[in-house]
Amino acid sequence: MGLLLYLIIGGIIGWFAGVILGKDLPGGVIGNVVAGIVGAWIGGRLLGYWGPKLSDFYIVPAIIGAIIFIIILSFVMKSMRKSW
């Protein structure tokens, strides 16, 4: 049950970060989950662990980290499209 909750919250965080930026992530639901989990890791490393916590996710740093991850991913995807 813990893993399922972890994936669901990661997906919600990734989706919310995409909505804030107005960008769709490649991969749909799986892309949102990856963005949420990687974003939580990035946010925790850059900003520390603070704010409300939900299933091992500190919500505010996770959302900020997911936004950073999506911005980096969009730059990488844009540069890959230009090279073709």
PDB file of N, CA and C in Angstrom:
ATOM      1  N   MET A   1       0.818  -1.198   0.000  1.00  0.00           N
ATOM      2  CA  MET A   1       0.000   0.000   0.000  1.00  0.00           C
ATOM      3  C   MET A   1       0.859   1.258   0.000  1.00  0.00           C
ATOM      4  N   GLY A   2       2.005   1.218   0.667  1.00  0.00           N
ATOM      5  CA  GLY A   2       2.885   2.381   0.736  1.00  0.00           C
ATOM      6  C   GLY A   2       3.424   2.770  -0.627  1.00  0.00           C
ATOM      7  N   LEU A   3       3.806   1.788  -1.444  1.00  0.00           N
ATOM      8  CA  LEU A   3       4.340   2.070  -2.772  1.00  0.00           C
ATOM      9  C   LEU A   3       3.272   2.688  -3.666  1.00  0.00           C
ATOM     10  N   LEU A   4       2.064   2.178  -3.582  1.00  0.00           N
ATOM     11  CA  LEU A   4       0.969   2.717  -4.392  1.00  0.00           C
ATOM     12  C   LEU A   4       0.685   4.180  -4.029  1.00  0.00           C
ATOM     13  N   LEU A   5       0.658   4.475  -2.740  1.00  0.00           N
ATOM     14  CA  LEU A   5       0.442   5.842  -2.288  1.00  0.00           C
ATOM     15  C   LEU A   5       1.588   6.748  -2.735  1.00  0.00           C
ATOM     16  N   TYR A   6       2.811   6.245  -2.689  1.00  0.00           N
ATOM     17  CA  TYR A   6       3.991   6.977  -3.130  1.00  0.00           C
ATOM     18  C   TYR A   6       3.874   7.331  -4.610  1.00  0.00           C
ATOM     19  N   LEU A   7       3.446   6.379  -5.433  1.00  0.00           N
ATOM     20  CA  LEU A   7       3.292   6.620  -6.870  1.00  0.00           C
ATOM     21  C   LEU A   7       2.155   7.594  -7.161  1.00  0.00           C
ATOM     22  N   ILE A   8       1.060   7.474  -6.438  1.00  0.00           N
ATOM     23  CA  ILE A   8      -0.080   8.363  -6.652  1.00  0.00           C
ATOM     24  C   ILE A   8       0.282   9.802  -6.298  1.00  0.00           C
ATOM     25  N   ILE A   9       0.921   9.999  -5.157  1.00  0.00           N
ATOM     26  CA  ILE A   9       1.292  11.356  -4.745  1.00  0.00           C
ATOM     27  C   ILE A   9       2.361  11.917  -5.685  1.00  0.00           C
ATOM     28  N   GLY A  10       3.302  11.089  -6.115  1.00  0.00           N
ATOM     29  CA  GLY A  10       4.295  11.532  -7.093  1.00  0.00           C
ATOM     30  C   GLY A  10       3.638  11.969  -8.389  1.00  0.00           C
ATOM     31  N   GLY A  11       2.635  11.226  -8.832  1.00  0.00           N
ATOM     32  CA  GLY A  11       1.904  11.591 -10.045  1.00  0.00           C
ATOM     33  C   GLY A  11       1.150  12.898  -9.896  1.00  0.00           C
ATOM     34  N   ILE A  12       0.549  13.110  -8.748  1.00  0.00           N
ATOM     35  CA  ILE A  12      -0.186  14.354  -8.504  1.00  0.00           C
ATOM     36  C   ILE A  12       0.765  15.541  -8.480  1.00  0.00           C
ATOM     37  N   ILE A  13       1.921  15.377  -7.838  1.00  0.00           N
ATOM     38  CA  ILE A  13       2.899  16.460  -7.785  1.00  0.00           C
ATOM     39  C   ILE A  13       3.415  16.774  -9.190  1.00  0.00           C
ATOM     40  N   GLY A  14       3.727  15.750  -9.974  1.00  0.00           N
ATOM     41  CA  GLY A  14       4.179  15.962 -11.346  1.00  0.00           C
ATOM     42  C   GLY A  14       3.125  16.626 -12.209  1.00  0.00           C
ATOM     43  N   TRP A  15       1.885  16.193 -12.054  1.00  0.00           N
ATOM     44  CA  TRP A  15       0.784  16.793 -12.811  1.00  0.00           C
ATOM     45  C   TRP A  15       0.615  18.263 -12.430  1.00  0.00           C
ATOM     46  N   PHE A  16       0.656  18.556 -11.127  1.00  0.00           N
ATOM     47  CA  PHE A  16       0.478  19.925 -10.652  1.00  0.00           C
ATOM     48  C   PHE A  16       1.590  20.837 -11.156  1.00  0.00           C
ATOM     49  N   ALA A  17       2.815  20.346 -11.164  1.00  0.00           N
ATOM     50  CA  ALA A  17       3.938  21.138 -11.685  1.00  0.00           C
ATOM     51  C   ALA A  17       3.742  21.407 -13.177  1.00  0.00           C
ATOM     52  N   GLY A  18       3.247  20.422 -13.915  1.00  0.00           N
ATOM     53  CA  GLY A  18       2.965  20.619 -15.336  1.00  0.00           C
ATOM     54  C   GLY A  18       1.869  21.640 -15.562  1.00  0.00           C
ATOM     55  N   VAL A  19       0.860  21.636 -14.712  1.00  0.00           N
ATOM     56  CA  VAL A  19      -0.231  22.609 -14.820  1.00  0.00           C
ATOM     57  C   VAL A  19       0.290  24.012 -14.536  1.00  0.00           C
ATOM     58  N   ILE A  20       1.138  24.154 -13.525  1.00  0.00           N
ATOM     59  CA  ILE A  20       1.697  25.462 -13.191  1.00  0.00           C
ATOM     60  C   ILE A  20       2.481  26.020 -14.373  1.00  0.00           C
ATOM     61  N   LEU A  21       3.272  25.166 -15.027  1.00  0.00           N
ATOM     62  CA  LEU A  21       4.084  25.612 -16.158  1.00  0.00           C
ATOM     63  C   LEU A  21       3.309  25.658 -17.470  1.00  0.00           C
ATOM     64  N   GLY A  22       2.172  24.989 -17.537  1.00  0.00           N
ATOM     65  CA  GLY A  22       1.398  24.936 -18.761  1.00  0.00           C
ATOM     66  C   GLY A  22       2.019  24.031 -19.814  1.00  0.00           C
ATOM     67  N   LYS A  23       2.716  23.003 -19.380  1.00  0.00           N
ATOM     68  CA  LYS A  23       3.391  22.079 -20.294  1.00  0.00           C
ATOM     69  C   LYS A  23       2.876  20.664 -20.053  1.00  0.00           C
ATOM     70  N   ASP A  24       2.760  19.917 -21.145  1.00  0.00           N
ATOM     71  CA  ASP A  24       2.424  18.500 -21.031  1.00  0.00           C
ATOM     72  C   ASP A  24       3.713  17.705 -20.997  1.00  0.00           C
ATOM     73  N   LEU A  25       3.748  16.739 -20.117  1.00  0.00           N
ATOM     74  CA  LEU A  25       4.938  15.893 -20.016  1.00  0.00           C
ATOM     75  C   LEU A  25       4.826  14.725 -20.978  1.00  0.00           C
ATOM     76  N   PRO A  26       5.936  14.352 -21.589  1.00  0.00           N
ATOM     77  CA  PRO A  26       5.888  13.145 -22.420  1.00  0.00           C
ATOM     78  C   PRO A  26       5.688  11.922 -21.527  1.00  0.00           C
ATOM     79  N   GLY A  27       4.903  10.987 -21.981  1.00  0.00           N
ATOM     80  CA  GLY A  27       4.682   9.768 -21.216  1.00  0.00           C
ATOM     81  C   GLY A  27       3.396   9.765 -20.419  1.00  0.00           C
ATOM     82  N   GLY A  28       2.656  10.842 -20.417  1.00  0.00           N
ATOM     83  CA  GLY A  28       1.369  10.889 -19.737  1.00  0.00           C
ATOM     84  C   GLY A  28       1.481  10.679 -18.243  1.00  0.00           C
ATOM     85  N   VAL A  29       0.753   9.710 -17.729  1.00  0.00           N
ATOM     86  CA  VAL A  29       0.709   9.434 -16.297  1.00  0.00           C
ATOM     87  C   VAL A  29       2.078   9.004 -15.779  1.00  0.00           C
ATOM     88  N   ILE A  30       2.763   8.170 -16.536  1.00  0.00           N
ATOM     89  CA  ILE A  30       4.089   7.709 -16.109  1.00  0.00           C
ATOM     90  C   ILE A  30       5.058   8.889 -16.073  1.00  0.00           C
ATOM     91  N   GLY A  31       4.965   9.795 -17.031  1.00  0.00           N
ATOM     92  CA  GLY A  31       5.797  10.993 -17.023  1.00  0.00           C
ATOM     93  C   GLY A  31       5.521  11.869 -15.812  1.00  0.00           C
ATOM     94  N   ASN A  32       4.254  11.974 -15.413  1.00  0.00           N
ATOM     95  CA  ASN A  32       3.905  12.745 -14.221  1.00  0.00           C
ATOM     96  C   ASN A  32       4.485  12.108 -12.964  1.00  0.00           C
ATOM     97  N   VAL A  33       4.398  10.791 -12.866  1.00  0.00           N
ATOM     98  CA  VAL A  33       4.939  10.091 -11.696  1.00  0.00           C
ATOM     99  C   VAL A  33       6.450  10.291 -11.619  1.00  0.00           C
ATOM    100  N   VAL A  34       7.126  10.130 -12.753  1.00  0.00           N
ATOM    101  CA  VAL A  34       8.577  10.312 -12.776  1.00  0.00           C
ATOM    102  C   VAL A  34       8.936  11.744 -12.414  1.00  0.00           C
ATOM    103  N   ALA A  35       8.225  12.716 -12.971  1.00  0.00           N
ATOM    104  CA  ALA A  35       8.499  14.117 -12.660  1.00  0.00           C
ATOM    105  C   ALA A  35       8.273  14.413 -11.180  1.00  0.00           C
ATOM    106  N   GLY A  36       7.247  13.838 -10.601  1.00  0.00           N
ATOM    107  CA  GLY A  36       6.973  14.056  -9.182  1.00  0.00           C
ATOM    108  C   GLY A  36       8.029  13.446  -8.285  1.00  0.00           C
ATOM    109  N   ILE A  37       8.454  12.235  -8.596  1.00  0.00           N
ATOM    110  CA  ILE A  37       9.456  11.559  -7.764  1.00  0.00           C
ATOM    111  C   ILE A  37      10.823  12.209  -7.927  1.00  0.00           C
ATOM    112  N   VAL A  38      11.235  12.460  -9.170  1.00  0.00           N
ATOM    113  CA  VAL A  38      12.522  13.120  -9.408  1.00  0.00           C
ATOM    114  C   VAL A  38      12.477  14.547  -8.861  1.00  0.00           C
ATOM    115  N   GLY A  39      11.360  15.208  -9.025  1.00  0.00           N
ATOM    116  CA  GLY A  39      11.209  16.559  -8.481  1.00  0.00           C
ATOM    117  C   GLY A  39      11.307  16.594  -6.976  1.00  0.00           C
ATOM    118  N   ALA A  40      10.765  15.588  -6.304  1.00  0.00           N
ATOM    119  CA  ALA A  40      10.881  15.520  -4.844  1.00  0.00           C
ATOM    120  C   ALA A  40      12.340  15.346  -4.438  1.00  0.00           C
ATOM    121  N   TRP A  41      13.071  14.557  -5.190  1.00  0.00           N
ATOM    122  CA  TRP A  41      14.484  14.361  -4.889  1.00  0.00           C
ATOM    123  C   TRP A  41      15.271  15.657  -5.123  1.00  0.00           C
ATOM    124  N   ILE A  42      15.039  16.306  -6.272  1.00  0.00           N
ATOM    125  CA  ILE A  42      15.732  17.558  -6.584  1.00  0.00           C
ATOM    126  C   ILE A  42      15.375  18.632  -5.546  1.00  0.00           C
ATOM    127  N   GLY A  43      14.110  18.765  -5.252  1.00  0.00           N
ATOM    128  CA  GLY A  43      13.674  19.769  -4.280  1.00  0.00           C
ATOM    129  C   GLY A  43      14.241  19.522  -2.903  1.00  0.00           C
ATOM    130  N   GLY A  44      14.323  18.268  -2.498  1.00  0.00           N
ATOM    131  CA  GLY A  44      14.901  17.951  -1.201  1.00  0.00           C
ATOM    132  C   GLY A  44      16.380  18.274  -1.142  1.00  0.00           C
ATOM    133  N   ARG A  45      17.088  18.015  -2.226  1.00  0.00           N
ATOM    134  CA  ARG A  45      18.529  18.303  -2.255  1.00  0.00           C
ATOM    135  C   ARG A  45      18.811  19.797  -2.307  1.00  0.00           C
ATOM    136  N   LEU A  46      18.028  20.538  -3.082  1.00  0.00           N
ATOM    137  CA  LEU A  46      18.287  21.967  -3.233  1.00  0.00           C
ATOM    138  C   LEU A  46      17.718  22.808  -2.095  1.00  0.00           C
ATOM    139  N   LEU A  47      16.529  22.471  -1.647  1.00  0.00           N
ATOM    140  CA  LEU A  47      15.817  23.319  -0.691  1.00  0.00           C
ATOM    141  C   LEU A  47      15.740  22.746   0.709  1.00  0.00           C
ATOM    142  N   GLY A  48      16.107  21.503   0.874  1.00  0.00           N
ATOM    143  CA  GLY A  48      15.982  20.866   2.179  1.00  0.00           C
ATOM    144  C   GLY A  48      14.599  20.265   2.365  1.00  0.00           C
ATOM    145  N   TYR A  49      14.368  19.762   3.529  1.00  0.00           N
ATOM    146  CA  TYR A  49      13.117  19.072   3.833  1.00  0.00           C
ATOM    147  C   TYR A  49      12.329  19.908   4.831  1.00  0.00           C
ATOM    148  N   TRP A  50      11.311  20.591   4.341  1.00  0.00           N
ATOM    149  CA  TRP A  50      10.487  21.439   5.168  1.00  0.00           C
ATOM    150  C   TRP A  50       9.079  21.495   4.590  1.00  0.00           C
ATOM    151  N   GLY A  51       8.166  22.044   5.340  1.00  0.00           N
ATOM    152  CA  GLY A  51       6.793  22.186   4.876  1.00  0.00           C
ATOM    153  C   GLY A  51       5.970  20.951   5.181  1.00  0.00           C
ATOM    154  N   PRO A  52       4.746  20.948   4.681  1.00  0.00           N
ATOM    155  CA  PRO A  52       3.862  19.807   4.938  1.00  0.00           C
ATOM    156  C   PRO A  52       4.397  18.535   4.276  1.00  0.00           C
ATOM    157  N   LYS A  53       4.243  17.425   5.001  1.00  0.00           N
ATOM    158  CA  LYS A  53       4.746  16.139   4.517  1.00  0.00           C
ATOM    159  C   LYS A  53       3.569  15.200   4.291  1.00  0.00           C
ATOM    160  N   LEU A  54       3.625  14.495   3.153  1.00  0.00           N
ATOM    161  CA  LEU A  54       2.585  13.535   2.823  1.00  0.00           C
ATOM    162  C   LEU A  54       3.253  12.322   2.187  1.00  0.00           C
ATOM    163  N   SER A  55       3.256  11.209   2.865  1.00  0.00           N
ATOM    164  CA  SER A  55       3.823   9.959   2.369  1.00  0.00           C
ATOM    165  C   SER A  55       5.264  10.129   1.872  1.00  0.00           C
ATOM    166  N   ASP A  56       6.128  10.589   2.725  1.00  0.00           N
ATOM    167  CA  ASP A  56       7.550  10.796   2.444  1.00  0.00           C
ATOM    168  C   ASP A  56       7.825  11.904   1.434  1.00  0.00           C
ATOM    169  N   PHE A  57       6.838  12.671   1.049  1.00  0.00           N
ATOM    170  CA  PHE A  57       7.025  13.810   0.163  1.00  0.00           C
ATOM    171  C   PHE A  57       6.831  15.083   0.971  1.00  0.00           C
ATOM    172  N   TYR A  58       7.809  15.955   0.941  1.00  0.00           N
ATOM    173  CA  TYR A  58       7.626  17.303   1.463  1.00  0.00           C
ATOM    174  C   TYR A  58       7.078  18.105   0.289  1.00  0.00           C
ATOM    175  N   ILE A  59       5.842  18.518   0.390  1.00  0.00           N
ATOM    176  CA  ILE A  59       5.064  18.985  -0.747  1.00  0.00           C
ATOM    177  C   ILE A  59       5.694  20.189  -1.455  1.00  0.00           C
ATOM    178  N   VAL A  60       6.042  21.240  -0.728  1.00  0.00           N
ATOM    179  CA  VAL A  60       6.544  22.468  -1.355  1.00  0.00           C
ATOM    180  C   VAL A  60       7.870  22.236  -2.080  1.00  0.00           C
ATOM    181  N   PRO A  61       8.888  21.642  -1.437  1.00  0.00           N
ATOM    182  CA  PRO A  61      10.127  21.380  -2.184  1.00  0.00           C
ATOM    183  C   PRO A  61       9.919  20.414  -3.347  1.00  0.00           C
ATOM    184  N   ALA A  62       8.998  19.473  -3.203  1.00  0.00           N
ATOM    185  CA  ALA A  62       8.744  18.515  -4.283  1.00  0.00           C
ATOM    186  C   ALA A  62       8.143  19.210  -5.504  1.00  0.00           C
ATOM    187  N   ILE A  63       7.221  20.125  -5.286  1.00  0.00           N
ATOM    188  CA  ILE A  63       6.615  20.848  -6.413  1.00  0.00           C
ATOM    189  C   ILE A  63       7.647  21.753  -7.088  1.00  0.00           C
ATOM    190  N   ILE A  64       8.440  22.454  -6.289  1.00  0.00           N
ATOM    191  CA  ILE A  64       9.478  23.320  -6.864  1.00  0.00           C
ATOM    192  C   ILE A  64      10.505  22.480  -7.620  1.00  0.00           C
ATOM    193  N   GLY A  65      10.900  21.348  -7.057  1.00  0.00           N
ATOM    194  CA  GLY A  65      11.837  20.463  -7.739  1.00  0.00           C
ATOM    195  C   GLY A  65      11.259  19.889  -9.023  1.00  0.00           C
ATOM    196  N   ALA A  66       9.973  19.553  -9.013  1.00  0.00           N
ATOM    197  CA  ALA A  66       9.328  19.041 -10.225  1.00  0.00           C
ATOM    198  C   ALA A  66       9.258  20.118 -11.299  1.00  0.00           C
ATOM    199  N   ILE A  67       9.033  21.358 -10.902  1.00  0.00           N
ATOM    200  CA  ILE A  67       9.033  22.463 -11.865  1.00  0.00           C
ATOM    201  C   ILE A  67      10.417  22.606 -12.493  1.00  0.00           C
ATOM    202  N   ILE A  68      11.456  22.543 -11.668  1.00  0.00           N
ATOM    203  CA  ILE A  68      12.829  22.617 -12.175  1.00  0.00           C
ATOM    204  C   ILE A  68      13.102  21.467 -13.134  1.00  0.00           C
ATOM    205  N   PHE A  69      12.672  20.263 -12.763  1.00  0.00           N
ATOM    206  CA  PHE A  69      12.888  19.093 -13.613  1.00  0.00           C
ATOM    207  C   PHE A  69      12.171  19.230 -14.954  1.00  0.00           C
ATOM    208  N   ILE A  70      10.951  19.721 -14.935  1.00  0.00           N
ATOM    209  CA  ILE A  70      10.188  19.878 -16.179  1.00  0.00           C
ATOM    210  C   ILE A  70      10.824  20.937 -17.068  1.00  0.00           C
ATOM    211  N   ILE A  71      11.318  22.022 -16.480  1.00  0.00           N
ATOM    212  CA  ILE A  71      11.988  23.059 -17.270  1.00  0.00           C
ATOM    213  C   ILE A  71      13.241  22.480 -17.930  1.00  0.00           C
ATOM    214  N   ILE A  72      14.040  21.751 -17.176  1.00  0.00           N
ATOM    215  CA  ILE A  72      15.254  21.131 -17.736  1.00  0.00           C
ATOM    216  C   ILE A  72      14.883  20.130 -18.821  1.00  0.00           C
ATOM    217  N   LEU A  73      13.872  19.315 -18.564  1.00  0.00           N
ATOM    218  CA  LEU A  73      13.439  18.325 -19.545  1.00  0.00           C
ATOM    219  C   LEU A  73      12.927  18.989 -20.821  1.00  0.00           C
ATOM    220  N   SER A  74      12.210  20.098 -20.695  1.00  0.00           N
ATOM    221  CA  SER A  74      11.701  20.773 -21.894  1.00  0.00           C
ATOM    222  C   SER A  74      12.843  21.372 -22.713  1.00  0.00           C
ATOM    223  N   PHE A  75      13.886  21.893 -22.053  1.00  0.00           N
ATOM    224  CA  PHE A  75      15.050  22.394 -22.791  1.00  0.00           C
ATOM    225  C   PHE A  75      15.764  21.267 -23.524  1.00  0.00           C
ATOM    226  N   VAL A  76      15.914  20.126 -22.865  1.00  0.00           N
ATOM    227  CA  VAL A  76      16.572  18.979 -23.496  1.00  0.00           C
ATOM    228  C   VAL A  76      15.756  18.489 -24.688  1.00  0.00           C
ATOM    229  N   MET A  77      14.453  18.371 -24.516  1.00  0.00           N
ATOM    230  CA  MET A  77      13.601  17.899 -25.607  1.00  0.00           C
ATOM    231  C   MET A  77      13.610  18.887 -26.772  1.00  0.00           C
ATOM    232  N   LYS A  78      13.608  20.192 -26.476  1.00  0.00           N
ATOM    233  CA  LYS A  78      13.640  21.203 -27.531  1.00  0.00           C
ATOM    234  C   LYS A  78      14.959  21.149 -28.296  1.00  0.00           C
ATOM    235  N   SER A  79      16.078  20.956 -27.601  1.00  0.00           N
ATOM    236  CA  SER A  79      17.359  20.892 -28.276  1.00  0.00           C
ATOM    237  C   SER A  79      17.489  19.606 -29.096  1.00  0.00           C
ATOM    238  N   MET A  80      16.865  18.535 -28.660  1.00  0.00           N
ATOM    239  CA  MET A  80      16.886  17.290 -29.431  1.00  0.00           C
ATOM    240  C   MET A  80      16.074  17.455 -30.710  1.00  0.00           C
ATOM    241  N   ARG A  81      14.961  18.174 -30.638  1.00  0.00           N
ATOM    242  CA  ARG A  81      14.139  18.393 -31.841  1.00  0.00           C
ATOM    243  C   ARG A  81      14.879  19.253 -32.847  1.00  0.00           C
ATOM    244  N   LYS A  82      15.620  20.253 -32.375  1.00  0.00           N
ATOM    245  CA  LYS A  82      16.356  21.133 -33.283  1.00  0.00           C
ATOM    246  C   LYS A  82      17.498  20.409 -33.984  1.00  0.00           C
ATOM    247  N   SER A  83      18.082  19.422 -33.318  1.00  0.00           N
ATOM    248  CA  SER A  83      19.229  18.728 -33.910  1.00  0.00           C
ATOM    249  C   SER A  83      18.795  17.796 -35.044  1.00  0.00           C
ATOM    250  N   TRP A  84      17.531  17.408 -35.084  1.00  0.00           N
ATOM    251  CA  TRP A  84      17.063  16.529 -36.159  1.00  0.00           C
ATOM    252  C   TRP A  84      16.712  17.384 -37.308  1.00  0.00           C
TER     253      TRP A  84
END
